Amino acid sequence: MLYRIYSGQDGQSHFEEMEVPTGPEGRSPTQAAQGIRFTRMEPGTFSDWHNAPRRQYVITLAGAVEFGIGDGTVRRLGPGDMLLAEDLTGRGHTMRVVGAETRVSATVPLA
């Protein structure tokens, strides 16, 4: 699943479920990116309210993570789930690694 998290006019972050954009051959168009970074986080890791530092994809490769927004909504992402982080302003979101497995993710900053 692809989730988008973005800043609303109300100063809060919001979620949107999206389809992975693919064309007739089952591939998405190429997007300009600045690189890729891999991260390992242990279960229980928590990041309090923060904004995305830039537009970026965050792809969960292993483990599970929960992203929370101001209205109390929480989305749990597992292996293969993707987040398009675009909440660059406002209150932002929280992030918590859940479960017993180390979370491994790939972050792709967009150009």
PDB file of N, CA and C in Angstrom:
ATOM      1  N   MET A   1       0.850  -1.169   0.000  1.00  0.00           N
ATOM      2  CA  MET A   1       0.000   0.000   0.000  1.00  0.00           C
ATOM      3  C   MET A   1       0.899   1.235   0.000  1.00  0.00           C
ATOM      4  N   LEU A   2       0.431   2.280  -0.637  1.00  0.00           N
ATOM      5  CA  LEU A   2       1.122   3.568  -0.656  1.00  0.00           C
ATOM      6  C   LEU A   2       0.260   4.571   0.097  1.00  0.00           C
ATOM      7  N   TYR A   3       0.835   5.142   1.138  1.00  0.00           N
ATOM      8  CA  TYR A   3       0.171   6.190   1.911  1.00  0.00           C
ATOM      9  C   TYR A   3       0.891   7.504   1.657  1.00  0.00           C
ATOM     10  N   ARG A   4       0.127   8.553   1.603  1.00  0.00           N
ATOM     11  CA  ARG A   4       0.692   9.899   1.518  1.00  0.00           C
ATOM     12  C   ARG A   4       0.344  10.606   2.816  1.00  0.00           C
ATOM     13  N   ILE A   5       1.329  11.286   3.393  1.00  0.00           N
ATOM     14  CA  ILE A   5       1.085  12.132   4.561  1.00  0.00           C
ATOM     15  C   ILE A   5       1.433  13.550   4.130  1.00  0.00           C
ATOM     16  N   TYR A   6       0.510  14.476   4.326  1.00  0.00           N
ATOM     17  CA  TYR A   6       0.690  15.827   3.805  1.00  0.00           C
ATOM     18  C   TYR A   6       0.151  16.860   4.788  1.00  0.00           C
ATOM     19  N   SER A   7       0.598  18.095   4.627  1.00  0.00           N
ATOM     20  CA  SER A   7       0.161  19.205   5.479  1.00  0.00           C
ATOM     21  C   SER A   7      -1.128  19.790   4.924  1.00  0.00           C
ATOM     22  N   GLY A   8      -2.131  19.933   5.795  1.00  0.00           N
ATOM     23  CA  GLY A   8      -3.397  20.528   5.396  1.00  0.00           C
ATOM     24  C   GLY A   8      -3.442  22.010   5.726  1.00  0.00           C
ATOM     25  N   GLN A   9      -4.466  22.664   5.222  1.00  0.00           N
ATOM     26  CA  GLN A   9      -4.667  24.097   5.497  1.00  0.00           C
ATOM     27  C   GLN A   9      -4.874  24.357   6.987  1.00  0.00           C
ATOM     28  N   ASP A  10      -5.281  23.335   7.740  1.00  0.00           N
ATOM     29  CA  ASP A  10      -5.540  23.473   9.171  1.00  0.00           C
ATOM     30  C   ASP A  10      -4.278  23.367  10.024  1.00  0.00           C
ATOM     31  N   GLY A  11      -3.107  23.213   9.379  1.00  0.00           N
ATOM     32  CA  GLY A  11      -1.854  23.098  10.122  1.00  0.00           C
ATOM     33  C   GLY A  11      -1.587  21.697  10.652  1.00  0.00           C
ATOM     34  N   GLN A  12      -2.430  20.744  10.319  1.00  0.00           N
ATOM     35  CA  GLN A  12      -2.269  19.359  10.757  1.00  0.00           C
ATOM     36  C   GLN A  12      -1.837  18.489   9.577  1.00  0.00           C
ATOM     37  N   SER A  13      -1.240  17.360   9.904  1.00  0.00           N
ATOM     38  CA  SER A  13      -0.912  16.376   8.875  1.00  0.00           C
ATOM     39  C   SER A  13      -2.119  15.486   8.634  1.00  0.00           C
ATOM     40  N   HIS A  14      -2.250  15.000   7.410  1.00  0.00           N
ATOM     41  CA  HIS A  14      -3.367  14.146   7.009  1.00  0.00           C
ATOM     42  C   HIS A  14      -2.825  12.972   6.204  1.00  0.00           C
ATOM     43  N   PHE A  15      -3.558  11.851   6.238  1.00  0.00           N
ATOM     44  CA  PHE A  15      -3.217  10.671   5.452  1.00  0.00           C
ATOM     45  C   PHE A  15      -4.098  10.592   4.211  1.00  0.00           C
ATOM     46  N   GLU A  16      -3.541  10.032   3.170  1.00  0.00           N
ATOM     47  CA  GLU A  16      -4.292   9.697   1.967  1.00  0.00           C
ATOM     48  C   GLU A  16      -3.785   8.346   1.483  1.00  0.00           C
ATOM     49  N   GLU A  17      -4.692   7.406   1.224  1.00  0.00           N
ATOM     50  CA  GLU A  17      -4.306   6.131   0.630  1.00  0.00           C
ATOM     51  C   GLU A  17      -4.256   6.322  -0.869  1.00  0.00           C
ATOM     52  N   MET A  18      -3.183   5.855  -1.486  1.00  0.00           N
ATOM     53  CA  MET A  18      -2.989   6.048  -2.919  1.00  0.00           C
ATOM     54  C   MET A  18      -2.674   4.712  -3.580  1.00  0.00           C
ATOM     55  N   GLU A  19      -2.970   4.624  -4.835  1.00  0.00           N
ATOM     56  CA  GLU A  19      -2.530   3.494  -5.642  1.00  0.00           C
ATOM     57  C   GLU A  19      -1.130   3.812  -6.147  1.00  0.00           C
ATOM     58  N   VAL A  20      -0.290   2.798  -6.246  1.00  0.00           N
ATOM     59  CA  VAL A  20       1.022   3.008  -6.836  1.00  0.00           C
ATOM     60  C   VAL A  20       0.799   3.358  -8.302  1.00  0.00           C
ATOM     61  N   PRO A  21       1.320   4.518  -8.741  1.00  0.00           N
ATOM     62  CA  PRO A  21       1.055   4.927 -10.124  1.00  0.00           C
ATOM     63  C   PRO A  21       1.818   4.047 -11.114  1.00  0.00           C
ATOM     64  N   THR A  22       1.061   3.282 -11.890  1.00  0.00           N
ATOM     65  CA  THR A  22       1.700   2.429 -12.887  1.00  0.00           C
ATOM     66  C   THR A  22       1.041   2.658 -14.239  1.00  0.00           C
ATOM     67  N   GLY A  23       1.804   2.457 -15.254  1.00  0.00           N
ATOM     68  CA  GLY A  23       1.307   2.601 -16.617  1.00  0.00           C
ATOM     69  C   GLY A  23       0.874   1.261 -17.176  1.00  0.00           C
ATOM     70  N   PRO A  24       0.719   1.181 -18.484  1.00  0.00           N
ATOM     71  CA  PRO A  24       0.230  -0.049 -19.116  1.00  0.00           C
ATOM     72  C   PRO A  24       1.160  -1.249 -18.925  1.00  0.00           C
ATOM     73  N   GLU A  25       2.436  -1.020 -18.690  1.00  0.00           N
ATOM     74  CA  GLU A  25       3.375  -2.135 -18.506  1.00  0.00           C
ATOM     75  C   GLU A  25       3.563  -2.491 -17.037  1.00  0.00           C
ATOM     76  N   GLY A  26       2.759  -1.887 -16.150  1.00  0.00           N
ATOM     77  CA  GLY A  26       2.858  -2.189 -14.724  1.00  0.00           C
ATOM     78  C   GLY A  26       4.009  -1.505 -14.027  1.00  0.00           C
ATOM     79  N   ARG A  27       4.556  -0.456 -14.631  1.00  0.00           N
ATOM     80  CA  ARG A  27       5.671   0.292 -14.040  1.00  0.00           C
ATOM     81  C   ARG A  27       5.261   1.737 -13.822  1.00  0.00           C
ATOM     82  N   SER A  28       5.796   2.323 -12.772  1.00  0.00           N
ATOM     83  CA  SER A  28       5.546   3.745 -12.551  1.00  0.00           C
ATOM     84  C   SER A  28       6.492   4.561 -13.428  1.00  0.00           C
ATOM     85  N   PRO A  29       6.125   5.807 -13.692  1.00  0.00           N
ATOM     86  CA  PRO A  29       7.068   6.681 -14.389  1.00  0.00           C
ATOM     87  C   PRO A  29       8.305   6.905 -13.509  1.00  0.00           C
ATOM     88  N   THR A  30       9.442   7.138 -14.118  1.00  0.00           N
ATOM     89  CA  THR A  30      10.656   7.441 -13.372  1.00  0.00           C
ATOM     90  C   THR A  30      10.512   8.804 -12.706  1.00  0.00           C
ATOM     91  N   GLN A  31      10.899   8.866 -11.448  1.00  0.00           N
ATOM     92  CA  GLN A  31      10.864  10.117 -10.697  1.00  0.00           C
ATOM     93  C   GLN A  31      12.287  10.516 -10.341  1.00  0.00           C
ATOM     94  N   ALA A  32      12.560  11.803 -10.390  1.00  0.00           N
ATOM     95  CA  ALA A  32      13.883  12.301 -10.025  1.00  0.00           C
ATOM     96  C   ALA A  32      14.076  12.151  -8.515  1.00  0.00           C
ATOM     97  N   ALA A  33      15.215  11.595  -8.133  1.00  0.00           N
ATOM     98  CA  ALA A  33      15.529  11.376  -6.725  1.00  0.00           C
ATOM     99  C   ALA A  33      16.948  11.840  -6.440  1.00  0.00           C
ATOM    100  N   GLN A  34      17.223  12.041  -5.150  1.00  0.00           N
ATOM    101  CA  GLN A  34      18.549  12.510  -4.746  1.00  0.00           C
ATOM    102  C   GLN A  34      19.436  11.393  -4.224  1.00  0.00           C
ATOM    103  N   GLY A  35      18.920  10.198  -4.105  1.00  0.00           N
ATOM    104  CA  GLY A  35      19.711   9.091  -3.586  1.00  0.00           C
ATOM    105  C   GLY A  35      18.816   8.148  -2.803  1.00  0.00           C
ATOM    106  N   ILE A  36      19.438   7.316  -1.992  1.00  0.00           N
ATOM    107  CA  ILE A  36      18.698   6.375  -1.154  1.00  0.00           C
ATOM    108  C   ILE A  36      19.473   6.187   0.143  1.00  0.00           C
ATOM    109  N   ARG A  37      18.739   6.032   1.241  1.00  0.00           N
ATOM    110  CA  ARG A  37      19.369   5.794   2.546  1.00  0.00           C
ATOM    111  C   ARG A  37      18.632   4.644   3.218  1.00  0.00           C
ATOM    112  N   PHE A  38      19.369   3.727   3.812  1.00  0.00           N
ATOM    113  CA  PHE A  38      18.785   2.619   4.556  1.00  0.00           C
ATOM    114  C   PHE A  38      18.932   2.893   6.042  1.00  0.00           C
ATOM    115  N   THR A  39      17.899   2.537   6.811  1.00  0.00           N
ATOM    116  CA  THR A  39      17.906   2.791   8.247  1.00  0.00           C
ATOM    117  C   THR A  39      17.410   1.558   8.984  1.00  0.00           C
ATOM    118  N   ARG A  40      18.049   1.269  10.118  1.00  0.00           N
ATOM    119  CA  ARG A  40      17.609   0.206  11.026  1.00  0.00           C
ATOM    120  C   ARG A  40      17.177   0.872  12.326  1.00  0.00           C
ATOM    121  N   MET A  41      16.006   0.489  12.834  1.00  0.00           N
ATOM    122  CA  MET A  41      15.508   1.011  14.104  1.00  0.00           C
ATOM    123  C   MET A  41      15.001  -0.153  14.947  1.00  0.00           C
ATOM    124  N   GLU A  42      15.360  -0.133  16.209  1.00  0.00           N
ATOM    125  CA  GLU A  42      14.962  -1.207  17.111  1.00  0.00           C
ATOM    126  C   GLU A  42      13.517  -1.022  17.575  1.00  0.00           C
ATOM    127  N   PRO A  43      12.845  -2.115  17.946  1.00  0.00           N
ATOM    128  CA  PRO A  43      11.486  -2.013  18.463  1.00  0.00           C
ATOM    129  C   PRO A  43      11.431  -1.025  19.633  1.00  0.00           C
ATOM    130  N   GLY A  44      10.369  -0.244  19.669  1.00  0.00           N
ATOM    131  CA  GLY A  44      10.194   0.751  20.725  1.00  0.00           C
ATOM    132  C   GLY A  44      10.737   2.118  20.373  1.00  0.00           C
ATOM    133  N   THR A  45      11.531   2.231  19.307  1.00  0.00           N
ATOM    134  CA  THR A  45      12.036   3.542  18.899  1.00  0.00           C
ATOM    135  C   THR A  45      10.852   4.463  18.639  1.00  0.00           C
ATOM    136  N   PHE A  46      10.911   5.673  19.200  1.00  0.00           N
ATOM    137  CA  PHE A  46       9.816   6.640  19.060  1.00  0.00           C
ATOM    138  C   PHE A  46      10.391   7.991  18.670  1.00  0.00           C
ATOM    139  N   SER A  47       9.741   8.617  17.718  1.00  0.00           N
ATOM    140  CA  SER A  47      10.099   9.973  17.311  1.00  0.00           C
ATOM    141  C   SER A  47       8.857  10.837  17.508  1.00  0.00           C
ATOM    142  N   ASP A  48       8.952  11.793  18.423  1.00  0.00           N
ATOM    143  CA  ASP A  48       7.822  12.666  18.745  1.00  0.00           C
ATOM    144  C   ASP A  48       7.511  13.577  17.564  1.00  0.00           C
ATOM    145  N   TRP A  49       6.585  14.476  17.716  1.00  0.00           N
ATOM    146  CA  TRP A  49       6.092  15.325  16.629  1.00  0.00           C
ATOM    147  C   TRP A  49       7.226  15.946  15.830  1.00  0.00           C
ATOM    148  N   HIS A  50       7.169  15.729  14.532  1.00  0.00           N
ATOM    149  CA  HIS A  50       8.168  16.291  13.624  1.00  0.00           C
ATOM    150  C   HIS A  50       7.585  16.335  12.217  1.00  0.00           C
ATOM    151  N   ASN A  51       8.171  17.147  11.386  1.00  0.00           N
ATOM    152  CA  ASN A  51       7.787  17.234   9.977  1.00  0.00           C
ATOM    153  C   ASN A  51       8.766  16.423   9.146  1.00  0.00           C
ATOM    154  N   ALA A  52       8.324  16.042   7.972  1.00  0.00           N
ATOM    155  CA  ALA A  52       9.245  15.430   7.012  1.00  0.00           C
ATOM    156  C   ALA A  52      10.288  16.490   6.648  1.00  0.00           C
ATOM    157  N   PRO A  53      11.563  16.122   6.561  1.00  0.00           N
ATOM    158  CA  PRO A  53      12.600  17.107   6.250  1.00  0.00           C
ATOM    159  C   PRO A  53      12.583  17.560   4.791  1.00  0.00           C
ATOM    160  N   ARG A  54      11.921  16.777   3.940  1.00  0.00           N
ATOM    161  CA  ARG A  54      11.831  17.052   2.504  1.00  0.00           C
ATOM    162  C   ARG A  54      10.793  16.081   1.953  1.00  0.00           C
ATOM    163  N   ARG A  55      10.371  16.271   0.719  1.00  0.00           N
ATOM    164  CA  ARG A  55       9.507  15.271   0.084  1.00  0.00           C
ATOM    165  C   ARG A  55      10.335  14.006  -0.113  1.00  0.00           C
ATOM    166  N   GLN A  56       9.799  12.883   0.347  1.00  0.00           N
ATOM    167  CA  GLN A  56      10.559  11.650   0.248  1.00  0.00           C
ATOM    168  C   GLN A  56       9.644  10.439   0.364  1.00  0.00           C
ATOM    169  N   TYR A  57      10.080   9.368  -0.262  1.00  0.00           N
ATOM    170  CA  TYR A  57       9.439   8.075  -0.065  1.00  0.00           C
ATOM    171  C   TYR A  57      10.159   7.374   1.077  1.00  0.00           C
ATOM    172  N   VAL A  58       9.386   6.715   1.937  1.00  0.00           N
ATOM    173  CA  VAL A  58       9.947   5.877   2.993  1.00  0.00           C
ATOM    174  C   VAL A  58       9.304   4.504   2.812  1.00  0.00           C
ATOM    175  N   ILE A  59      10.121   3.507   2.517  1.00  0.00           N
ATOM    176  CA  ILE A  59       9.644   2.172   2.190  1.00  0.00           C
ATOM    177  C   ILE A  59      10.063   1.220   3.304  1.00  0.00           C
ATOM    178  N   THR A  60       9.099   0.567   3.929  1.00  0.00           N
ATOM    179  CA  THR A  60       9.396  -0.392   4.988  1.00  0.00           C
ATOM    180  C   THR A  60       9.795  -1.712   4.347  1.00  0.00           C
ATOM    181  N   LEU A  61      10.995  -2.185   4.678  1.00  0.00           N
ATOM    182  CA  LEU A  61      11.517  -3.439   4.132  1.00  0.00           C
ATOM    183  C   LEU A  61      11.334  -4.603   5.106  1.00  0.00           C
ATOM    184  N   ALA A  62      11.419  -4.322   6.404  1.00  0.00           N
ATOM    185  CA  ALA A  62      11.248  -5.341   7.444  1.00  0.00           C
ATOM    186  C   ALA A  62      10.726  -4.660   8.702  1.00  0.00           C
ATOM    187  N   GLY A  63      10.038  -5.417   9.526  1.00  0.00           N
ATOM    188  CA  GLY A  63       9.495  -4.861  10.754  1.00  0.00           C
ATOM    189  C   GLY A  63       8.225  -4.067  10.496  1.00  0.00           C
ATOM    190  N   ALA A  64       7.809  -3.315  11.510  1.00  0.00           N
ATOM    191  CA  ALA A  64       6.574  -2.539  11.411  1.00  0.00           C
ATOM    192  C   ALA A  64       6.740  -1.210  12.113  1.00  0.00           C
ATOM    193  N   VAL A  65       6.000  -0.221  11.622  1.00  0.00           N
ATOM    194  CA  VAL A  65       6.068   1.134  12.151  1.00  0.00           C
ATOM    195  C   VAL A  65       4.661   1.716  12.172  1.00  0.00           C
ATOM    196  N   GLU A  66       4.396   2.578  13.135  1.00  0.00           N
ATOM    197  CA  GLU A  66       3.136   3.303  13.177  1.00  0.00           C
ATOM    198  C   GLU A  66       3.413   4.793  13.073  1.00  0.00           C
ATOM    199  N   PHE A  67       2.686   5.439  12.159  1.00  0.00           N
ATOM    200  CA  PHE A  67       2.739   6.885  12.014  1.00  0.00           C
ATOM    201  C   PHE A  67       1.431   7.437  12.568  1.00  0.00           C
ATOM    202  N   GLY A  68       1.530   8.469  13.422  1.00  0.00           N
ATOM    203  CA  GLY A  68       0.346   9.090  14.000  1.00  0.00           C
ATOM    204  C   GLY A  68       0.244  10.552  13.609  1.00  0.00           C
ATOM    205  N   ILE A  69      -0.999  11.030  13.490  1.00  0.00           N
ATOM    206  CA  ILE A  69      -1.239  12.438  13.174  1.00  0.00           C
ATOM    207  C   ILE A  69      -2.120  13.066  14.252  1.00  0.00           C
ATOM    208  N   GLY A  70      -2.290  14.385  14.169  1.00  0.00           N
ATOM    209  CA  GLY A  70      -2.931  15.158  15.216  1.00  0.00           C
ATOM    210  C   GLY A  70      -4.343  14.760  15.580  1.00  0.00           C
ATOM    211  N   ASP A  71      -5.127  14.215  14.656  1.00  0.00           N
ATOM    212  CA  ASP A  71      -6.508  13.845  14.983  1.00  0.00           C
ATOM    213  C   ASP A  71      -6.602  12.479  15.640  1.00  0.00           C
ATOM    214  N   GLY A  72      -5.442  11.859  15.926  1.00  0.00           N
ATOM    215  CA  GLY A  72      -5.417  10.559  16.581  1.00  0.00           C
ATOM    216  C   GLY A  72      -5.337   9.384  15.631  1.00  0.00           C
ATOM    217  N   THR A  73      -5.423   9.626  14.331  1.00  0.00           N
ATOM    218  CA  THR A  73      -5.322   8.547  13.356  1.00  0.00           C
ATOM    219  C   THR A  73      -3.910   7.972  13.358  1.00  0.00           C
ATOM    220  N   VAL A  74      -3.829   6.652  13.328  1.00  0.00           N
ATOM    221  CA  VAL A  74      -2.544   5.948  13.279  1.00  0.00           C
ATOM    222  C   VAL A  74      -2.602   4.964  12.114  1.00  0.00           C
ATOM    223  N   ARG A  75      -1.563   4.937  11.325  1.00  0.00           N
ATOM    224  CA  ARG A  75      -1.441   3.973  10.237  1.00  0.00           C
ATOM    225  C   ARG A  75      -0.231   3.091  10.530  1.00  0.00           C
ATOM    226  N   ARG A  76      -0.449   1.786  10.451  1.00  0.00           N
ATOM    227  CA  ARG A  76       0.632   0.815  10.656  1.00  0.00           C
ATOM    228  C   ARG A  76       1.118   0.347   9.300  1.00  0.00           C
ATOM    229  N   LEU A  77       2.421   0.439   9.081  1.00  0.00           N
ATOM    230  CA  LEU A  77       3.033   0.021   7.828  1.00  0.00           C
ATOM    231  C   LEU A  77       3.975  -1.138   8.099  1.00  0.00           C
ATOM    232  N   GLY A  78       3.917  -2.129   7.234  1.00  0.00           N
ATOM    233  CA  GLY A  78       4.781  -3.291   7.331  1.00  0.00           C
ATOM    234  C   GLY A  78       5.594  -3.463   6.065  1.00  0.00           C
ATOM    235  N   PRO A  79       6.276  -4.600   5.932  1.00  0.00           N
ATOM    236  CA  PRO A  79       7.122  -4.836   4.770  1.00  0.00           C
ATOM    237  C   PRO A  79       6.364  -4.644   3.458  1.00  0.00           C
ATOM    238  N   GLY A  80       6.960  -3.838   2.582  1.00  0.00           N
ATOM    239  CA  GLY A  80       6.364  -3.556   1.283  1.00  0.00           C
ATOM    240  C   GLY A  80       5.496  -2.314   1.262  1.00  0.00           C
ATOM    241  N   ASP A  81       5.115  -1.796   2.428  1.00  0.00           N
ATOM    242  CA  ASP A  81       4.312  -0.571   2.472  1.00  0.00           C
ATOM    243  C   ASP A  81       5.204   0.638   2.260  1.00  0.00           C
ATOM    244  N   MET A  82       4.624   1.654   1.625  1.00  0.00           N
ATOM    245  CA  MET A  82       5.372   2.861   1.285  1.00  0.00           C
ATOM    246  C   MET A  82       4.657   4.095   1.816  1.00  0.00           C
ATOM    247  N   LEU A  83       5.442   5.078   2.215  1.00  0.00           N
ATOM    248  CA  LEU A  83       4.910   6.357   2.666  1.00  0.00           C
ATOM    249  C   LEU A  83       5.530   7.448   1.808  1.00  0.00           C
ATOM    250  N   LEU A  84       4.687   8.290   1.222  1.00  0.00           N
ATOM    251  CA  LEU A  84       5.152   9.501   0.553  1.00  0.00           C
ATOM    252  C   LEU A  84       4.998  10.614   1.575  1.00  0.00           C
ATOM    253  N   ALA A  85       6.111  11.056   2.156  1.00  0.00           N
ATOM    254  CA  ALA A  85       6.090  12.065   3.222  1.00  0.00           C
ATOM    255  C   ALA A  85       6.156  13.454   2.608  1.00  0.00           C
ATOM    256  N   GLU A  86       5.078  14.212   2.792  1.00  0.00           N
ATOM    257  CA  GLU A  86       4.998  15.565   2.253  1.00  0.00           C
ATOM    258  C   GLU A  86       4.466  16.554   3.291  1.00  0.00           C
ATOM    259  N   ASP A  87       4.480  16.183   4.567  1.00  0.00           N
ATOM    260  CA  ASP A  87       4.007  17.117   5.601  1.00  0.00           C
ATOM    261  C   ASP A  87       5.183  17.974   6.069  1.00  0.00           C
ATOM    262  N   LEU A  88       5.520  18.946   5.255  1.00  0.00           N
ATOM    263  CA  LEU A  88       6.707  19.780   5.470  1.00  0.00           C
ATOM    264  C   LEU A  88       6.458  20.935   6.425  1.00  0.00           C
ATOM    265  N   THR A  89       5.205  21.239   6.709  1.00  0.00           N
ATOM    266  CA  THR A  89       4.855  22.345   7.604  1.00  0.00           C
ATOM    267  C   THR A  89       3.797  21.870   8.592  1.00  0.00           C
ATOM    268  N   GLY A  90       3.488  22.720   9.554  1.00  0.00           N
ATOM    269  CA  GLY A  90       2.452  22.385  10.522  1.00  0.00           C
ATOM    270  C   GLY A  90       2.986  21.523  11.647  1.00  0.00           C
ATOM    271  N   ARG A  91       2.079  20.815  12.317  1.00  0.00           N
ATOM    272  CA  ARG A  91       2.427  20.026  13.498  1.00  0.00           C
ATOM    273  C   ARG A  91       3.272  18.794  13.172  1.00  0.00           C
ATOM    274  N   GLY A  92       3.030  18.185  12.028  1.00  0.00           N
ATOM    275  CA  GLY A  92       3.801  17.005  11.661  1.00  0.00           C
ATOM    276  C   GLY A  92       3.159  15.718  12.129  1.00  0.00           C
ATOM    277  N   HIS A  93       3.989  14.718  12.394  1.00  0.00           N
ATOM    278  CA  HIS A  93       3.528  13.379  12.738  1.00  0.00           C
ATOM    279  C   HIS A  93       4.476  12.749  13.757  1.00  0.00           C
ATOM    280  N   THR A  94       4.024  11.639  14.342  1.00  0.00           N
ATOM    281  CA  THR A  94       4.874  10.837  15.216  1.00  0.00           C
ATOM    282  C   THR A  94       5.197   9.531  14.504  1.00  0.00           C
ATOM    283  N   MET A  95       6.216   8.832  15.003  1.00  0.00           N
ATOM    284  CA  MET A  95       6.627   7.562  14.427  1.00  0.00           C
ATOM    285  C   MET A  95       7.074   6.645  15.558  1.00  0.00           C
ATOM    286  N   ARG A  96       6.570   5.395  15.541  1.00  0.00           N
ATOM    287  CA  ARG A  96       6.962   4.413  16.555  1.00  0.00           C
ATOM    288  C   ARG A  96       7.184   3.058  15.884  1.00  0.00           C
ATOM    289  N   VAL A  97       8.328   2.437  16.181  1.00  0.00           N
ATOM    290  CA  VAL A  97       8.591   1.084  15.702  1.00  0.00           C
ATOM    291  C   VAL A  97       7.863   0.125  16.635  1.00  0.00           C
ATOM    292  N   VAL A  98       7.002  -0.717  16.062  1.00  0.00           N
ATOM    293  CA  VAL A  98       6.172  -1.622  16.861  1.00  0.00           C
ATOM    294  C   VAL A  98       6.523  -3.075  16.541  1.00  0.00           C
ATOM    295  N   GLY A  99       6.097  -3.965  17.430  1.00  0.00           N
ATOM    296  CA  GLY A  99       6.386  -5.377  17.255  1.00  0.00           C
ATOM    297  C   GLY A  99       7.743  -5.730  17.819  1.00  0.00           C
ATOM    298  N   ALA A 100       8.180  -6.953  17.565  1.00  0.00           N
ATOM    299  CA  ALA A 100       9.431  -7.458  18.127  1.00  0.00           C
ATOM    300  C   ALA A 100      10.593  -7.425  17.145  1.00  0.00           C
ATOM    301  N   GLU A 101      10.326  -7.069  15.909  1.00  0.00           N
ATOM    302  CA  GLU A 101      11.344  -7.124  14.863  1.00  0.00           C
ATOM    303  C   GLU A 101      11.953  -5.750  14.608  1.00  0.00           C
ATOM    304  N   THR A 102      13.257  -5.731  14.334  1.00  0.00           N
ATOM    305  CA  THR A 102      13.937  -4.500  13.928  1.00  0.00           C
ATOM    306  C   THR A 102      13.316  -3.998  12.636  1.00  0.00           C
ATOM    307  N   ARG A 103      13.060  -2.705  12.571  1.00  0.00           N
ATOM    308  CA  ARG A 103      12.519  -2.125  11.340  1.00  0.00           C
ATOM    309  C   ARG A 103      13.675  -1.723  10.442  1.00  0.00           C
ATOM    310  N   VAL A 104      13.601  -2.113   9.192  1.00  0.00           N
ATOM    311  CA  VAL A 104      14.552  -1.688   8.179  1.00  0.00           C
ATOM    312  C   VAL A 104      13.751  -0.928   7.130  1.00  0.00           C
ATOM    313  N   SER A 105      14.231   0.266   6.784  1.00  0.00           N
ATOM    314  CA  SER A 105      13.518   1.063   5.792  1.00  0.00           C
ATOM    315  C   SER A 105      14.505   1.657   4.795  1.00  0.00           C
ATOM    316  N   ALA A 106      13.965   2.023   3.645  1.00  0.00           N
ATOM    317  CA  ALA A 106      14.715   2.731   2.622  1.00  0.00           C
ATOM    318  C   ALA A 106      14.041   4.075   2.428  1.00  0.00           C
ATOM    319  N   THR A 107      14.815   5.141   2.491  1.00  0.00           N
ATOM    320  CA  THR A 107      14.307   6.500   2.284  1.00  0.00           C
ATOM    321  C   THR A 107      14.879   7.025   0.979  1.00  0.00           C
ATOM    322  N   VAL A 108      13.982   7.547   0.123  1.00  0.00           N
ATOM    323  CA  VAL A 108      14.382   8.075  -1.171  1.00  0.00           C
ATOM    324  C   VAL A 108      13.937   9.535  -1.251  1.00  0.00           C
ATOM    325  N   PRO A 109      14.864  10.492  -0.975  1.00  0.00           N
ATOM    326  CA  PRO A 109      14.516  11.907  -1.105  1.00  0.00           C
ATOM    327  C   PRO A 109      14.240  12.244  -2.558  1.00  0.00           C
ATOM    328  N   LEU A 110      13.160  12.975  -2.790  1.00  0.00           N
ATOM    329  CA  LEU A 110      12.801  13.364  -4.156  1.00  0.00           C
ATOM    330  C   LEU A 110      13.452  14.670  -4.536  1.00  0.00           C
ATOM    331  N   ALA A 111      13.851  14.776  -5.794  1.00  0.00           N
ATOM    332  CA  ALA A 111      14.513  15.988  -6.278  1.00  0.00           C
ATOM    333  C   ALA A 111      13.504  17.087  -6.502  1.00  0.00           C
TER     334      ALA A 111
END
